[in-house]
Amino acid sequence: MTRSTSASRQRIIVGAADLIRRRGLAGSTIRDLAGHSGAPLGSTYHYFPRGKQQLAAEAVRFAGDLVSRTLEQELAAGPVAGLRAFLTLWRQTVVDSGYRAGCPVLAVAVEEPPADGDPEAIIAAAEVFTAWQRLLAASLGEHGVAEPAATQLATLVIASVEGTVALCRAHGDIRPLDDVAAQLEILIATAIGT
């Protein structure tokens, strides 16, 4: 793949992730996803011959990788730092979009599986959530939280933050995220004994 080809493909993926986080997958056609990135529909089918599900799966993995890289970097300073970074990402997304955008991973995860039986994007969403959970649980484990509590607490963090992003969008207010952030930080600090 040439640099130009790679850049064009990446631009389509980034555009798709942005549109999905705003409209959801069901609310976006392959034409919408291509158009949002400024790419011709033919190019989109060239790079994603399996269509909308393939493109959505790539967009979900792209978004998931961005968050995972931030988590990995910040978790080096401990679970509380990782939590703060996770919360900051979603706070910025919600506020910067004027409460019109959330998480593309969640947007895909709550979709009805496609009628054609190819839930590629939903499978990608499950993989991303699992990766985030494992990163958080591993950090908690490194800081003295035993299993299964480390995995359960990591699951609670992800579910709480993802749900709270939806609340913020619905209410047009960041306060739900701030409230949940305060409580999650207490839970994690208590769990690791700080």
N, C-alpha and C. Protein backbone atom coordinates (compact mmCIF):
# COMPACT_ATOMS: atom_id res chain seq x y z
N MET A 1 0.84 -1.16 0.00
CA MET A 1 0.00 0.00 0.00
C MET A 1 0.90 1.24 0.00
N THR A 2 0.67 2.14 -0.92
CA THR A 2 1.46 3.36 -0.98
C THR A 2 1.06 4.32 0.13
N ARG A 3 1.92 5.31 0.37
CA ARG A 3 1.62 6.31 1.41
C ARG A 3 0.31 7.03 1.09
N SER A 4 0.08 7.37 -0.18
CA SER A 4 -1.14 8.06 -0.59
C SER A 4 -2.37 7.18 -0.37
N THR A 5 -2.25 5.92 -0.74
CA THR A 5 -3.33 4.97 -0.55
C THR A 5 -3.62 4.81 0.93
N SER A 6 -2.58 4.65 1.72
CA SER A 6 -2.74 4.49 3.15
C SER A 6 -3.38 5.72 3.78
N ALA A 7 -2.97 6.91 3.35
CA ALA A 7 -3.53 8.15 3.89
C ALA A 7 -5.01 8.28 3.50
N SER A 8 -5.35 7.92 2.28
CA SER A 8 -6.75 7.99 1.84
C SER A 8 -7.62 7.03 2.63
N ARG A 9 -7.13 5.82 2.80
CA ARG A 9 -7.87 4.81 3.57
C ARG A 9 -8.04 5.28 5.02
N GLN A 10 -6.99 5.81 5.60
CA GLN A 10 -7.04 6.28 6.98
C GLN A 10 -8.02 7.45 7.13
N ARG A 11 -8.05 8.33 6.15
CA ARG A 11 -8.98 9.46 6.19
C ARG A 11 -10.42 8.98 6.21
N ILE A 12 -10.72 7.93 5.46
CA ILE A 12 -12.07 7.37 5.44
C ILE A 12 -12.40 6.76 6.81
N ILE A 13 -11.45 6.06 7.41
CA ILE A 13 -11.67 5.45 8.72
C ILE A 13 -11.92 6.52 9.78
N VAL A 14 -11.10 7.55 9.78
CA VAL A 14 -11.25 8.64 10.77
C VAL A 14 -12.61 9.32 10.58
N GLY A 15 -12.97 9.59 9.34
CA GLY A 15 -14.27 10.21 9.07
C GLY A 15 -15.42 9.33 9.50
N ALA A 16 -15.30 8.03 9.26
CA ALA A 16 -16.36 7.10 9.67
C ALA A 16 -16.49 7.06 11.19
N ALA A 17 -15.37 7.04 11.90
CA ALA A 17 -15.42 7.03 13.37
C ALA A 17 -16.12 8.29 13.88
N ASP A 18 -15.81 9.42 13.26
CA ASP A 18 -16.43 10.67 13.69
C ASP A 18 -17.94 10.66 13.44
N LEU A 19 -18.36 10.21 12.28
CA LEU A 19 -19.79 10.20 11.98
C LEU A 19 -20.53 9.19 12.86
N ILE A 20 -19.94 8.04 13.10
CA ILE A 20 -20.58 7.03 13.95
C ILE A 20 -20.74 7.55 15.38
N ARG A 21 -19.75 8.28 15.88
CA ARG A 21 -19.86 8.79 17.26
C ARG A 21 -20.94 9.87 17.35
N ARG A 22 -21.32 10.44 16.23
CA ARG A 22 -22.36 11.47 16.21
C ARG A 22 -23.75 10.89 15.91
N ARG A 23 -23.83 9.97 14.95
CA ARG A 23 -25.12 9.47 14.45
C ARG A 23 -25.41 8.02 14.78
N GLY A 24 -24.39 7.28 15.17
CA GLY A 24 -24.57 5.85 15.31
C GLY A 24 -24.37 5.17 13.97
N LEU A 25 -24.33 3.87 14.00
CA LEU A 25 -24.10 3.13 12.76
C LEU A 25 -25.38 3.01 11.93
N ALA A 26 -26.49 2.74 12.58
CA ALA A 26 -27.76 2.58 11.85
C ALA A 26 -28.15 3.89 11.16
N GLY A 27 -27.77 5.01 11.74
CA GLY A 27 -28.11 6.31 11.17
C GLY A 27 -27.14 6.78 10.09
N SER A 28 -26.24 5.90 9.67
CA SER A 28 -25.23 6.27 8.68
C SER A 28 -25.15 5.21 7.59
N THR A 29 -25.31 5.63 6.36
CA THR A 29 -25.14 4.71 5.23
C THR A 29 -23.66 4.70 4.85
N ILE A 30 -23.27 3.77 4.02
CA ILE A 30 -21.89 3.74 3.53
C ILE A 30 -21.61 5.03 2.75
N ARG A 31 -22.61 5.53 2.04
CA ARG A 31 -22.46 6.79 1.31
C ARG A 31 -22.21 7.94 2.29
N ASP A 32 -22.94 7.96 3.42
CA ASP A 32 -22.74 8.99 4.45
C ASP A 32 -21.32 8.90 5.01
N LEU A 33 -20.90 7.69 5.31
CA LEU A 33 -19.57 7.48 5.89
C LEU A 33 -18.48 7.94 4.94
N ALA A 34 -18.65 7.64 3.67
CA ALA A 34 -17.67 8.08 2.66
C ALA A 34 -17.71 9.59 2.52
N GLY A 35 -18.91 10.14 2.41
CA GLY A 35 -19.06 11.57 2.21
C GLY A 35 -18.52 12.39 3.37
N HIS A 36 -18.67 11.89 4.59
CA HIS A 36 -18.19 12.62 5.76
C HIS A 36 -16.68 12.79 5.74
N SER A 37 -16.00 11.84 5.12
CA SER A 37 -14.53 11.93 5.04
C SER A 37 -14.09 12.64 3.76
N GLY A 38 -15.04 12.96 2.89
CA GLY A 38 -14.70 13.62 1.63
C GLY A 38 -14.23 12.65 0.57
N ALA A 39 -14.43 11.37 0.79
CA ALA A 39 -13.97 10.35 -0.17
C ALA A 39 -15.10 9.96 -1.12
N PRO A 40 -14.77 9.65 -2.35
CA PRO A 40 -15.79 9.15 -3.27
C PRO A 40 -16.26 7.77 -2.82
N LEU A 41 -17.51 7.46 -3.09
CA LEU A 41 -18.08 6.17 -2.70
C LEU A 41 -17.28 5.02 -3.30
N GLY A 42 -16.82 5.18 -4.53
CA GLY A 42 -16.04 4.12 -5.18
C GLY A 42 -14.75 3.81 -4.43
N SER A 43 -14.09 4.84 -3.93
CA SER A 43 -12.87 4.63 -3.14
C SER A 43 -13.17 3.87 -1.87
N THR A 44 -14.30 4.20 -1.27
CA THR A 44 -14.67 3.54 -0.03
C THR A 44 -14.85 2.04 -0.27
N TYR A 45 -15.56 1.69 -1.34
CA TYR A 45 -15.73 0.25 -1.65
C TYR A 45 -14.42 -0.39 -2.08
N HIS A 46 -13.52 0.39 -2.65
CA HIS A 46 -12.21 -0.15 -3.02
C HIS A 46 -11.44 -0.57 -1.77
N TYR A 47 -11.42 0.31 -0.76
CA TYR A 47 -10.67 0.02 0.47
C TYR A 47 -11.43 -0.91 1.41
N PHE A 48 -12.75 -0.92 1.32
CA PHE A 48 -13.59 -1.71 2.23
C PHE A 48 -14.59 -2.51 1.40
N PRO A 49 -14.12 -3.53 0.70
CA PRO A 49 -14.98 -4.26 -0.23
C PRO A 49 -16.16 -4.98 0.44
N ARG A 50 -16.06 -5.24 1.75
CA ARG A 50 -17.18 -5.89 2.45
C ARG A 50 -18.22 -4.87 2.90
N GLY A 51 -17.98 -3.59 2.62
CA GLY A 51 -18.99 -2.57 2.85
C GLY A 51 -19.00 -1.95 4.23
N LYS A 52 -20.18 -1.55 4.63
CA LYS A 52 -20.40 -0.76 5.83
C LYS A 52 -19.88 -1.44 7.10
N GLN A 53 -20.12 -2.72 7.25
CA GLN A 53 -19.66 -3.42 8.46
C GLN A 53 -18.15 -3.44 8.56
N GLN A 54 -17.47 -3.64 7.45
CA GLN A 54 -16.01 -3.64 7.46
C GLN A 54 -15.47 -2.25 7.82
N LEU A 55 -16.04 -1.22 7.20
CA LEU A 55 -15.60 0.14 7.48
C LEU A 55 -15.89 0.50 8.94
N ALA A 56 -17.06 0.15 9.44
CA ALA A 56 -17.41 0.45 10.83
C ALA A 56 -16.49 -0.28 11.79
N ALA A 57 -16.17 -1.53 11.49
CA ALA A 57 -15.24 -2.28 12.35
C ALA A 57 -13.87 -1.61 12.40
N GLU A 58 -13.40 -1.16 11.25
CA GLU A 58 -12.10 -0.46 11.20
C GLU A 58 -12.17 0.86 11.98
N ALA A 59 -13.29 1.56 11.88
CA ALA A 59 -13.46 2.83 12.59
C ALA A 59 -13.48 2.59 14.10
N VAL A 60 -14.15 1.54 14.52
CA VAL A 60 -14.21 1.19 15.95
C VAL A 60 -12.81 0.82 16.46
N ARG A 61 -12.10 0.02 15.69
CA ARG A 61 -10.73 -0.35 16.11
C ARG A 61 -9.82 0.88 16.16
N PHE A 62 -9.96 1.77 15.21
CA PHE A 62 -9.18 3.01 15.21
C PHE A 62 -9.45 3.80 16.49
N ALA A 63 -10.72 4.04 16.80
CA ALA A 63 -11.08 4.78 18.01
C ALA A 63 -10.61 4.05 19.26
N GLY A 64 -10.78 2.74 19.26
CA GLY A 64 -10.34 1.94 20.41
C GLY A 64 -8.84 2.01 20.61
N ASP A 65 -8.09 1.98 19.53
CA ASP A 65 -6.63 2.06 19.63
C ASP A 65 -6.16 3.41 20.17
N LEU A 66 -6.84 4.48 19.77
CA LEU A 66 -6.49 5.80 20.29
C LEU A 66 -6.64 5.84 21.82
N VAL A 67 -7.75 5.33 22.29
CA VAL A 67 -8.00 5.31 23.73
C VAL A 67 -7.02 4.36 24.42
N SER A 68 -6.79 3.20 23.84
CA SER A 68 -5.86 2.23 24.44
C SER A 68 -4.46 2.80 24.58
N ARG A 69 -3.99 3.51 23.56
CA ARG A 69 -2.65 4.12 23.66
C ARG A 69 -2.58 5.13 24.80
N THR A 70 -3.61 5.94 24.94
CA THR A 70 -3.65 6.91 26.04
C THR A 70 -3.68 6.19 27.38
N LEU A 71 -4.52 5.17 27.48
CA LEU A 71 -4.60 4.40 28.72
C LEU A 71 -3.25 3.78 29.07
N GLU A 72 -2.64 3.12 28.11
CA GLU A 72 -1.34 2.48 28.36
C GLU A 72 -0.32 3.49 28.88
N GLN A 73 -0.29 4.64 28.26
CA GLN A 73 0.67 5.67 28.66
C GLN A 73 0.36 6.17 30.07
N GLU A 74 -0.87 6.49 30.35
CA GLU A 74 -1.23 7.07 31.64
C GLU A 74 -1.28 6.05 32.77
N LEU A 75 -1.61 4.80 32.45
CA LEU A 75 -1.64 3.77 33.48
C LEU A 75 -0.25 3.46 34.03
N ALA A 76 0.78 3.87 33.32
CA ALA A 76 2.14 3.71 33.85
C ALA A 76 2.30 4.46 35.17
N ALA A 77 1.52 5.52 35.36
CA ALA A 77 1.55 6.29 36.61
C ALA A 77 0.54 5.76 37.62
N GLY A 78 -0.20 4.72 37.26
CA GLY A 78 -1.15 4.11 38.18
C GLY A 78 -2.59 4.19 37.72
N PRO A 79 -3.45 3.40 38.38
CA PRO A 79 -4.86 3.33 37.97
C PRO A 79 -5.62 4.65 38.07
N VAL A 80 -5.31 5.47 39.07
CA VAL A 80 -6.02 6.75 39.19
C VAL A 80 -5.65 7.64 38.01
N ALA A 81 -4.38 7.67 37.63
CA ALA A 81 -3.96 8.47 36.47
C ALA A 81 -4.62 7.95 35.20
N GLY A 82 -4.72 6.65 35.06
CA GLY A 82 -5.38 6.06 33.90
C GLY A 82 -6.85 6.44 33.85
N LEU A 83 -7.52 6.37 35.01
CA LEU A 83 -8.92 6.76 35.08
C LEU A 83 -9.09 8.22 34.67
N ARG A 84 -8.26 9.07 35.22
CA ARG A 84 -8.36 10.50 34.89
C ARG A 84 -8.18 10.74 33.39
N ALA A 85 -7.25 10.04 32.77
CA ALA A 85 -7.01 10.20 31.34
C ALA A 85 -8.22 9.71 30.54
N PHE A 86 -8.79 8.58 30.95
CA PHE A 86 -9.97 8.02 30.29
C PHE A 86 -11.13 9.02 30.37
N LEU A 87 -11.34 9.57 31.55
CA LEU A 87 -12.40 10.55 31.74
C LEU A 87 -12.15 11.83 30.95
N THR A 88 -10.91 12.26 30.90
CA THR A 88 -10.57 13.47 30.17
C THR A 88 -10.85 13.32 28.68
N LEU A 89 -10.54 12.14 28.13
CA LEU A 89 -10.83 11.89 26.71
C LEU A 89 -12.31 12.08 26.41
N TRP A 90 -13.16 11.48 27.25
CA TRP A 90 -14.59 11.53 26.98
C TRP A 90 -15.16 12.90 27.30
N ARG A 91 -14.63 13.55 28.30
CA ARG A 91 -15.07 14.91 28.61
C ARG A 91 -14.80 15.82 27.41
N GLN A 92 -13.60 15.72 26.87
CA GLN A 92 -13.22 16.55 25.73
C GLN A 92 -14.10 16.25 24.52
N THR A 93 -14.34 14.97 24.26
CA THR A 93 -15.18 14.58 23.13
C THR A 93 -16.57 15.18 23.24
N VAL A 94 -17.18 15.03 24.40
CA VAL A 94 -18.55 15.50 24.60
C VAL A 94 -18.62 17.02 24.54
N VAL A 95 -17.76 17.69 25.27
CA VAL A 95 -17.81 19.15 25.34
C VAL A 95 -17.43 19.78 24.00
N ASP A 96 -16.34 19.30 23.40
CA ASP A 96 -15.88 19.88 22.12
C ASP A 96 -16.90 19.72 21.00
N SER A 97 -17.74 18.70 21.09
CA SER A 97 -18.74 18.47 20.04
C SER A 97 -20.06 19.16 20.36
N GLY A 98 -20.10 19.92 21.44
CA GLY A 98 -21.35 20.55 21.82
C GLY A 98 -22.40 19.53 22.22
N TYR A 99 -21.95 18.43 22.83
CA TYR A 99 -22.82 17.34 23.30
C TYR A 99 -23.48 16.58 22.15
N ARG A 100 -22.86 16.62 20.98
CA ARG A 100 -23.40 15.91 19.82
C ARG A 100 -22.65 14.62 19.51
N ALA A 101 -21.53 14.38 20.18
CA ALA A 101 -20.75 13.18 19.88
C ALA A 101 -20.43 12.43 21.16
N GLY A 102 -20.36 11.13 21.02
CA GLY A 102 -20.01 10.27 22.13
C GLY A 102 -18.93 9.30 21.70
N CYS A 103 -19.07 8.08 22.10
CA CYS A 103 -18.08 7.05 21.80
C CYS A 103 -18.56 6.20 20.62
N PRO A 104 -17.76 6.11 19.55
CA PRO A 104 -18.18 5.29 18.42
C PRO A 104 -18.23 3.80 18.76
N VAL A 105 -17.45 3.39 19.74
CA VAL A 105 -17.47 1.98 20.14
C VAL A 105 -18.82 1.65 20.76
N LEU A 106 -19.28 2.49 21.67
CA LEU A 106 -20.59 2.30 22.28
C LEU A 106 -21.70 2.41 21.24
N ALA A 107 -21.58 3.39 20.35
CA ALA A 107 -22.61 3.58 19.33
C ALA A 107 -22.81 2.32 18.50
N VAL A 108 -21.72 1.64 18.18
CA VAL A 108 -21.82 0.40 17.41
C VAL A 108 -22.31 -0.75 18.29
N ALA A 109 -21.84 -0.79 19.53
CA ALA A 109 -22.18 -1.91 20.42
C ALA A 109 -23.68 -2.01 20.70
N VAL A 110 -24.37 -0.89 20.71
CA VAL A 110 -25.80 -0.91 21.04
C VAL A 110 -26.68 -1.08 19.81
N GLU A 111 -26.07 -1.19 18.65
CA GLU A 111 -26.83 -1.37 17.42
C GLU A 111 -27.41 -2.78 17.33
N GLU A 112 -28.48 -2.90 16.63
CA GLU A 112 -29.05 -4.20 16.32
C GLU A 112 -28.10 -4.89 15.33
N PRO A 113 -27.81 -6.19 15.53
CA PRO A 113 -26.94 -6.87 14.56
C PRO A 113 -27.53 -6.76 13.15
N PRO A 114 -26.69 -6.67 12.14
CA PRO A 114 -27.19 -6.52 10.76
C PRO A 114 -28.02 -7.73 10.33
N ALA A 115 -28.99 -7.48 9.48
CA ALA A 115 -29.88 -8.54 9.01
C ALA A 115 -29.14 -9.61 8.22
N ASP A 116 -28.01 -9.22 7.59
CA ASP A 116 -27.28 -10.19 6.77
C ASP A 116 -26.43 -11.14 7.61
N GLY A 117 -26.45 -10.97 8.93
CA GLY A 117 -25.74 -11.90 9.81
C GLY A 117 -24.26 -11.62 9.97
N ASP A 118 -23.74 -10.51 9.45
CA ASP A 118 -22.33 -10.20 9.58
C ASP A 118 -22.14 -9.08 10.60
N PRO A 119 -21.98 -9.43 11.88
CA PRO A 119 -21.86 -8.41 12.92
C PRO A 119 -20.41 -7.97 13.14
N GLU A 120 -19.65 -7.81 12.07
CA GLU A 120 -18.23 -7.49 12.17
C GLU A 120 -17.96 -6.28 13.06
N ALA A 121 -18.76 -5.25 12.93
CA ALA A 121 -18.54 -4.04 13.71
C ALA A 121 -18.84 -4.27 15.20
N ILE A 122 -19.88 -5.03 15.49
CA ILE A 122 -20.22 -5.32 16.89
C ILE A 122 -19.14 -6.19 17.52
N ILE A 123 -18.61 -7.12 16.78
CA ILE A 123 -17.49 -7.94 17.28
C ILE A 123 -16.29 -7.05 17.58
N ALA A 124 -16.01 -6.10 16.70
CA ALA A 124 -14.90 -5.16 16.93
C ALA A 124 -15.14 -4.35 18.20
N ALA A 125 -16.38 -3.92 18.43
CA ALA A 125 -16.70 -3.16 19.64
C ALA A 125 -16.45 -3.99 20.89
N ALA A 126 -16.85 -5.24 20.86
CA ALA A 126 -16.61 -6.12 22.01
C ALA A 126 -15.11 -6.29 22.26
N GLU A 127 -14.34 -6.42 21.19
CA GLU A 127 -12.88 -6.55 21.33
C GLU A 127 -12.27 -5.30 21.96
N VAL A 128 -12.75 -4.13 21.55
CA VAL A 128 -12.22 -2.88 22.09
C VAL A 128 -12.55 -2.76 23.58
N PHE A 129 -13.81 -3.01 23.93
CA PHE A 129 -14.18 -2.95 25.34
C PHE A 129 -13.34 -3.92 26.17
N THR A 130 -13.12 -5.11 25.65
CA THR A 130 -12.30 -6.10 26.35
C THR A 130 -10.87 -5.61 26.52
N ALA A 131 -10.31 -4.98 25.49
CA ALA A 131 -8.94 -4.46 25.58
C ALA A 131 -8.84 -3.39 26.66
N TRP A 132 -9.82 -2.47 26.69
CA TRP A 132 -9.80 -1.43 27.72
C TRP A 132 -9.92 -2.04 29.12
N GLN A 133 -10.81 -3.01 29.23
CA GLN A 133 -11.01 -3.68 30.52
C GLN A 133 -9.72 -4.35 30.98
N ARG A 134 -9.05 -5.03 30.08
CA ARG A 134 -7.81 -5.73 30.44
C ARG A 134 -6.71 -4.75 30.86
N LEU A 135 -6.61 -3.64 30.16
CA LEU A 135 -5.61 -2.63 30.53
C LEU A 135 -5.86 -2.11 31.95
N LEU A 136 -7.09 -1.75 32.22
CA LEU A 136 -7.43 -1.23 33.55
C LEU A 136 -7.26 -2.30 34.62
N ALA A 137 -7.73 -3.50 34.35
CA ALA A 137 -7.62 -4.59 35.34
C ALA A 137 -6.16 -4.92 35.62
N ALA A 138 -5.33 -4.93 34.60
CA ALA A 138 -3.91 -5.24 34.80
C ALA A 138 -3.25 -4.18 35.69
N SER A 139 -3.58 -2.92 35.46
CA SER A 139 -3.02 -1.86 36.29
C SER A 139 -3.50 -1.98 37.73
N LEU A 140 -4.76 -2.27 37.90
CA LEU A 140 -5.29 -2.47 39.25
C LEU A 140 -4.58 -3.64 39.93
N GLY A 141 -4.37 -4.72 39.16
CA GLY A 141 -3.66 -5.88 39.71
C GLY A 141 -2.24 -5.54 40.12
N GLU A 142 -1.57 -4.74 39.30
CA GLU A 142 -0.20 -4.33 39.63
C GLU A 142 -0.15 -3.47 40.89
N HIS A 143 -1.28 -2.90 41.25
CA HIS A 143 -1.35 -2.04 42.44
C HIS A 143 -2.10 -2.71 43.59
N GLY A 144 -2.12 -4.05 43.55
CA GLY A 144 -2.59 -4.81 44.70
C GLY A 144 -4.04 -5.24 44.72
N VAL A 145 -4.79 -4.97 43.68
CA VAL A 145 -6.18 -5.40 43.66
C VAL A 145 -6.23 -6.83 43.10
N ALA A 146 -6.75 -7.74 43.90
CA ALA A 146 -6.80 -9.16 43.51
C ALA A 146 -7.94 -9.40 42.53
N GLU A 147 -7.80 -10.50 41.79
CA GLU A 147 -8.90 -10.95 40.93
C GLU A 147 -9.92 -11.66 41.80
N PRO A 148 -11.17 -11.62 41.51
CA PRO A 148 -11.81 -11.00 40.34
C PRO A 148 -12.13 -9.53 40.53
N ALA A 149 -11.80 -8.96 41.69
CA ALA A 149 -12.16 -7.56 41.95
C ALA A 149 -11.54 -6.61 40.93
N ALA A 150 -10.31 -6.87 40.47
CA ALA A 150 -9.68 -5.98 39.49
C ALA A 150 -10.47 -5.94 38.19
N THR A 151 -10.89 -7.08 37.71
CA THR A 151 -11.68 -7.14 36.48
C THR A 151 -13.05 -6.51 36.69
N GLN A 152 -13.66 -6.77 37.83
CA GLN A 152 -14.97 -6.19 38.11
C GLN A 152 -14.91 -4.68 38.20
N LEU A 153 -13.89 -4.15 38.84
CA LEU A 153 -13.74 -2.71 38.96
C LEU A 153 -13.46 -2.08 37.59
N ALA A 154 -12.64 -2.74 36.79
CA ALA A 154 -12.37 -2.24 35.43
C ALA A 154 -13.66 -2.21 34.60
N THR A 155 -14.47 -3.24 34.74
CA THR A 155 -15.75 -3.28 34.03
C THR A 155 -16.67 -2.16 34.50
N LEU A 156 -16.69 -1.93 35.81
CA LEU A 156 -17.50 -0.85 36.37
C LEU A 156 -17.06 0.51 35.81
N VAL A 157 -15.76 0.73 35.71
CA VAL A 157 -15.25 2.01 35.18
C VAL A 157 -15.73 2.21 33.74
N ILE A 158 -15.52 1.20 32.91
CA ILE A 158 -15.90 1.34 31.49
C ILE A 158 -17.39 1.54 31.34
N ALA A 159 -18.18 0.71 32.02
CA ALA A 159 -19.63 0.81 31.91
C ALA A 159 -20.13 2.15 32.44
N SER A 160 -19.57 2.60 33.54
CA SER A 160 -19.98 3.88 34.12
C SER A 160 -19.66 5.04 33.20
N VAL A 161 -18.46 5.07 32.70
CA VAL A 161 -18.05 6.19 31.85
C VAL A 161 -18.84 6.18 30.54
N GLU A 162 -18.98 5.03 29.91
CA GLU A 162 -19.71 4.96 28.65
C GLU A 162 -21.17 5.37 28.85
N GLY A 163 -21.79 4.89 29.91
CA GLY A 163 -23.17 5.27 30.19
C GLY A 163 -23.31 6.74 30.51
N THR A 164 -22.34 7.26 31.22
CA THR A 164 -22.38 8.67 31.61
C THR A 164 -22.20 9.58 30.40
N VAL A 165 -21.41 9.16 29.43
CA VAL A 165 -21.27 9.95 28.20
C VAL A 165 -22.65 10.09 27.54
N ALA A 166 -23.41 9.01 27.53
CA ALA A 166 -24.77 9.07 26.97
C ALA A 166 -25.65 10.02 27.77
N LEU A 167 -25.55 9.99 29.10
CA LEU A 167 -26.32 10.92 29.94
C LEU A 167 -25.95 12.37 29.64
N CYS A 168 -24.66 12.63 29.51
CA CYS A 168 -24.21 14.00 29.21
C CYS A 168 -24.79 14.48 27.89
N ARG A 169 -24.79 13.64 26.89
CA ARG A 169 -25.34 14.02 25.59
C ARG A 169 -26.83 14.28 25.70
N ALA A 170 -27.54 13.42 26.42
CA ALA A 170 -28.99 13.57 26.55
C ALA A 170 -29.35 14.85 27.29
N HIS A 171 -28.59 15.18 28.32
CA HIS A 171 -28.89 16.35 29.14
C HIS A 171 -28.21 17.62 28.65
N GLY A 172 -27.24 17.49 27.74
CA GLY A 172 -26.49 18.66 27.30
C GLY A 172 -25.73 19.29 28.44
N ASP A 173 -25.18 18.43 29.31
CA ASP A 173 -24.52 18.90 30.53
C ASP A 173 -23.41 17.91 30.89
N ILE A 174 -22.27 18.40 31.30
CA ILE A 174 -21.13 17.55 31.64
C ILE A 174 -21.19 17.06 33.09
N ARG A 175 -22.10 17.59 33.87
CA ARG A 175 -22.14 17.24 35.29
C ARG A 175 -22.24 15.74 35.57
N PRO A 176 -23.05 14.96 34.84
CA PRO A 176 -23.07 13.53 35.14
C PRO A 176 -21.67 12.89 35.06
N LEU A 177 -20.87 13.30 34.09
CA LEU A 177 -19.52 12.75 33.97
C LEU A 177 -18.66 13.17 35.16
N ASP A 178 -18.78 14.42 35.56
CA ASP A 178 -18.01 14.90 36.71
C ASP A 178 -18.41 14.17 37.99
N ASP A 179 -19.72 13.93 38.16
CA ASP A 179 -20.20 13.21 39.35
C ASP A 179 -19.67 11.77 39.38
N VAL A 180 -19.77 11.10 38.25
CA VAL A 180 -19.28 9.72 38.17
C VAL A 180 -17.77 9.67 38.34
N ALA A 181 -17.07 10.63 37.77
CA ALA A 181 -15.61 10.68 37.89
C ALA A 181 -15.20 10.75 39.35
N ALA A 182 -15.85 11.59 40.12
CA ALA A 182 -15.51 11.74 41.53
C ALA A 182 -15.70 10.42 42.28
N GLN A 183 -16.79 9.73 42.02
CA GLN A 183 -17.06 8.47 42.72
C GLN A 183 -16.13 7.35 42.27
N LEU A 184 -15.84 7.29 40.98
CA LEU A 184 -14.91 6.26 40.49
C LEU A 184 -13.51 6.46 41.05
N GLU A 185 -13.09 7.69 41.14
CA GLU A 185 -11.77 7.95 41.70
C GLU A 185 -11.69 7.50 43.16
N ILE A 186 -12.74 7.73 43.92
CA ILE A 186 -12.78 7.27 45.32
C ILE A 186 -12.70 5.74 45.35
N LEU A 187 -13.48 5.07 44.51
CA LEU A 187 -13.47 3.61 44.47
C LEU A 187 -12.09 3.05 44.15
N ILE A 188 -11.44 3.62 43.15
CA ILE A 188 -10.13 3.12 42.75
C ILE A 188 -9.09 3.42 43.82
N ALA A 189 -9.09 4.63 44.34
CA ALA A 189 -8.13 4.97 45.39
C ALA A 189 -8.30 4.06 46.60
N THR A 190 -9.53 3.77 46.96
CA THR A 190 -9.79 2.86 48.08
C THR A 190 -9.31 1.46 47.77
N ALA A 191 -9.58 1.00 46.55
CA ALA A 191 -9.19 -0.35 46.16
C ALA A 191 -7.68 -0.55 46.18
N ILE A 192 -6.94 0.49 45.78
CA ILE A 192 -5.47 0.34 45.75
C ILE A 192 -4.81 0.83 47.03
N GLY A 193 -5.64 1.31 47.96
CA GLY A 193 -5.12 1.70 49.27
C GLY A 193 -4.38 3.00 49.33
N THR A 194 -4.81 3.98 48.53
CA THR A 194 -4.15 5.29 48.60
C THR A 194 -5.05 6.31 49.25
